[in-house]
Protein backbone atom coordinates (compact mmCIF):
# COMPACT_ATOMS: atom_id res chain seq x y z
CA MET A 1 86.84 146.93 90.70
CA LYS A 2 85.16 144.55 93.15
CA ALA A 3 84.01 142.37 90.27
CA ARG A 4 87.60 141.96 89.06
CA VAL A 5 88.81 140.90 92.53
CA ALA A 6 85.92 138.44 92.87
CA ALA A 7 86.60 137.10 89.38
CA SER A 8 90.31 136.71 90.19
CA ILE A 9 89.48 134.77 93.38
CA VAL A 10 87.04 132.50 91.54
CA LEU A 11 89.57 131.96 88.75
CA ALA A 12 92.36 131.16 91.25
CA PHE A 13 90.10 128.72 93.10
CA GLY A 14 89.06 127.08 89.82
CA LEU A 15 92.66 126.73 88.65
CA THR A 16 93.72 125.24 92.00
CA LEU A 17 90.86 122.76 91.92
CA GLY A 18 91.49 121.87 88.27
CA MET A 19 95.24 121.47 88.65
CA SER A 20 94.93 119.26 91.71
CA GLY A 21 92.87 116.82 89.68
CA CYS A 22 91.74 113.67 91.41
CA THR A 23 94.31 113.99 94.18
CA LEU A 24 92.09 116.40 96.02
CA VAL A 25 89.62 113.68 96.95
CA THR A 26 91.61 110.46 96.37
CA THR A 27 93.14 108.63 99.34
CA GLN A 28 96.90 108.15 99.45
CA ASP A 29 97.89 104.80 98.01
CA THR A 30 101.00 104.73 100.21
CA LEU A 31 98.72 104.15 103.19
CA ASN A 32 97.92 100.65 101.82
CA ILE A 33 101.34 99.03 101.41
CA LYS A 34 101.28 95.48 100.07
CA GLU A 35 104.22 93.10 100.20
CA SER A 36 105.41 92.02 96.79
CA SER A 37 107.63 89.15 97.81
CA VAL A 38 107.63 85.41 97.40
CA GLY A 39 107.91 84.64 101.11
CA VAL A 40 106.07 85.60 104.27
CA SER A 41 106.98 88.02 107.03
CA GLY A 42 106.23 88.41 110.72
CA SER A 43 107.61 89.74 113.98
CA VAL A 44 108.56 88.17 117.28
CA GLY A 45 109.32 90.68 120.01
CA GLN A 46 111.86 93.14 118.61
CA VAL A 47 112.98 90.86 115.76
CA ASP A 48 111.38 90.99 112.33
CA VAL A 49 111.36 87.91 110.09
CA ARG A 50 111.25 89.06 106.48
CA ASN A 51 110.43 87.22 103.27
CA ALA A 52 110.83 83.68 104.67
CA VAL A 53 110.77 80.87 102.14
CA LEU A 54 111.97 77.24 102.13
CA ILE A 55 113.88 76.08 99.06
CA THR A 56 113.98 72.35 98.29
CA ASN A 57 115.96 70.56 95.59
CA GLY A 58 113.56 67.88 94.60
CA SER A 59 109.96 67.27 93.71
CA ASN A 60 109.39 65.33 96.95
CA GLY A 61 110.34 68.18 99.31
CA THR A 62 112.48 66.16 101.72
CA VAL A 63 115.11 68.77 102.68
CA GLY A 64 114.46 72.50 102.82
CA ASN A 65 116.82 75.45 103.16
CA LEU A 66 115.26 78.43 104.95
CA VAL A 67 115.98 81.71 103.18
CA THR A 68 115.05 84.81 105.17
CA THR A 69 116.32 88.02 106.72
CA PHE A 70 116.15 88.80 110.43
CA VAL A 71 116.10 92.44 111.53
CA ASN A 72 116.82 93.19 115.19
CA ASN A 73 115.27 96.49 116.32
CA GLU A 74 116.80 96.40 119.80
CA ASP A 75 120.15 97.38 121.33
CA LYS A 76 121.07 93.83 122.33
CA PRO A 77 121.63 90.68 120.27
CA HIS A 78 119.04 87.90 120.23
CA ARG A 79 119.44 84.16 119.69
CA VAL A 80 116.41 83.28 117.59
CA GLN A 81 115.10 79.72 117.71
CA VAL A 82 113.76 78.47 114.39
CA GLN A 83 111.62 75.34 114.67
CA HIS A 84 110.11 73.05 112.06
CA GLY A 85 108.47 69.93 113.42
CA SER A 86 110.78 68.57 116.13
CA THR A 87 113.92 70.18 114.68
CA ASN A 88 115.30 73.32 116.31
CA GLU A 89 117.99 75.55 114.83
CA TYR A 90 119.39 78.81 116.26
CA VAL A 91 120.48 82.06 114.64
CA THR A 92 122.10 84.97 116.49
CA VAL A 93 120.95 88.38 115.25
CA PRO A 94 123.25 91.27 116.25
CA ALA A 95 122.00 94.35 118.12
CA TYR A 96 120.33 96.79 115.71
CA GLY A 97 121.52 94.42 113.01
CA VAL A 98 120.46 92.41 110.02
CA LYS A 99 121.17 88.69 109.62
CA LYS A 100 120.54 87.06 106.24
CA ILE A 101 120.41 83.28 106.13
CA GLY A 102 120.22 80.67 103.40
CA GLY A 103 122.37 82.16 100.65
CA GLU A 104 125.91 81.41 99.49
CA GLY A 105 128.38 82.23 102.25
CA GLU A 106 125.60 82.85 104.77
CA THR A 107 124.40 80.82 107.75
CA ARG A 108 122.22 77.92 106.64
CA VAL A 109 119.15 76.63 108.48
CA GLN A 110 118.05 73.40 106.85
CA PHE A 111 115.27 71.03 107.80
CA SER A 112 114.99 67.35 106.86
CA ASN A 113 111.74 65.47 106.35
CA LEU A 114 109.74 68.50 105.27
CA GLY A 115 106.93 66.35 103.95
CA VAL A 116 105.77 69.23 101.75
CA LYS A 117 106.18 69.35 98.00
CA PRO A 118 107.17 72.55 96.20
CA GLY A 119 104.17 74.82 95.93
CA GLY A 120 102.91 73.91 99.39
CA LEU A 121 103.08 75.65 102.76
CA THR A 122 104.59 74.46 106.02
CA ASP A 123 104.64 75.84 109.56
CA VAL A 124 107.87 77.35 110.87
CA PHE A 125 107.97 78.75 114.41
CA PHE A 126 110.27 81.64 115.42
CA THR A 127 110.97 82.70 119.00
CA TYR A 128 113.70 83.95 121.34
CA SER A 129 114.22 84.38 125.07
CA THR A 130 110.82 84.68 126.78
CA GLU A 131 108.95 86.03 123.75
CA THR A 132 105.74 84.25 122.76
CA GLY A 133 106.95 83.64 119.21
CA VAL A 134 105.27 83.60 115.84
CA ARG A 135 104.21 80.71 113.59
CA LEU A 136 104.46 81.46 109.88
CA ARG A 137 103.03 79.43 107.00
CA VAL A 138 106.19 79.43 104.88
CA PRO A 139 106.01 78.61 101.16
CA VAL A 140 108.13 75.74 99.85
CA LEU A 141 109.68 76.36 96.44
CA ALA A 142 111.84 74.23 94.15
CA SER A 143 115.44 75.23 93.48
CA THR A 144 114.68 74.70 89.80
CA PHE A 145 112.74 77.98 89.71
CA PRO A 146 114.74 80.72 87.95
CA GLY A 147 117.12 82.43 90.38
CA PHE A 148 116.72 79.90 93.20
CA ALA A 149 119.48 77.39 92.29
CA ASP A 150 122.00 79.03 94.66
CA TYR A 151 119.61 78.51 97.57
CA ALA A 152 119.25 74.73 97.17
CA PRO A 153 119.92 72.68 100.33
CA LYS A 154 123.56 71.53 100.71
CA ARG A 155 122.82 68.16 102.27
């Protein structure tokens, strides 16, 4: 009788091990999340800057339209300063809110004299209030890329 109990325990252990396959010793892939976006992301204080990209409508990259989403993780609104070179623009992000910019019917933040051709990177600085701020190397893309025509600069 003892042999049957021992055999049942060994069989149960073997089945458990066999059915768990590689997951028994493999690390969780969800612990290594990679962004799969075109743009870049960062955070300044309680505001996240997500998937920032500059869209230009020419091969010389003179005017760029910033396309991004701001996410405010705090219970008060923030007026975010967006700076490229010597040009400053401001976007108000509502408390615990999301503010998308750059698309049709949305707030537009456009910079002249980019000096970066499509395919290049340029520095854009984000800050608000007394926060230190974050400098992101934002990719510049042409509005001729599929799906980007609606994001071309308006000026």
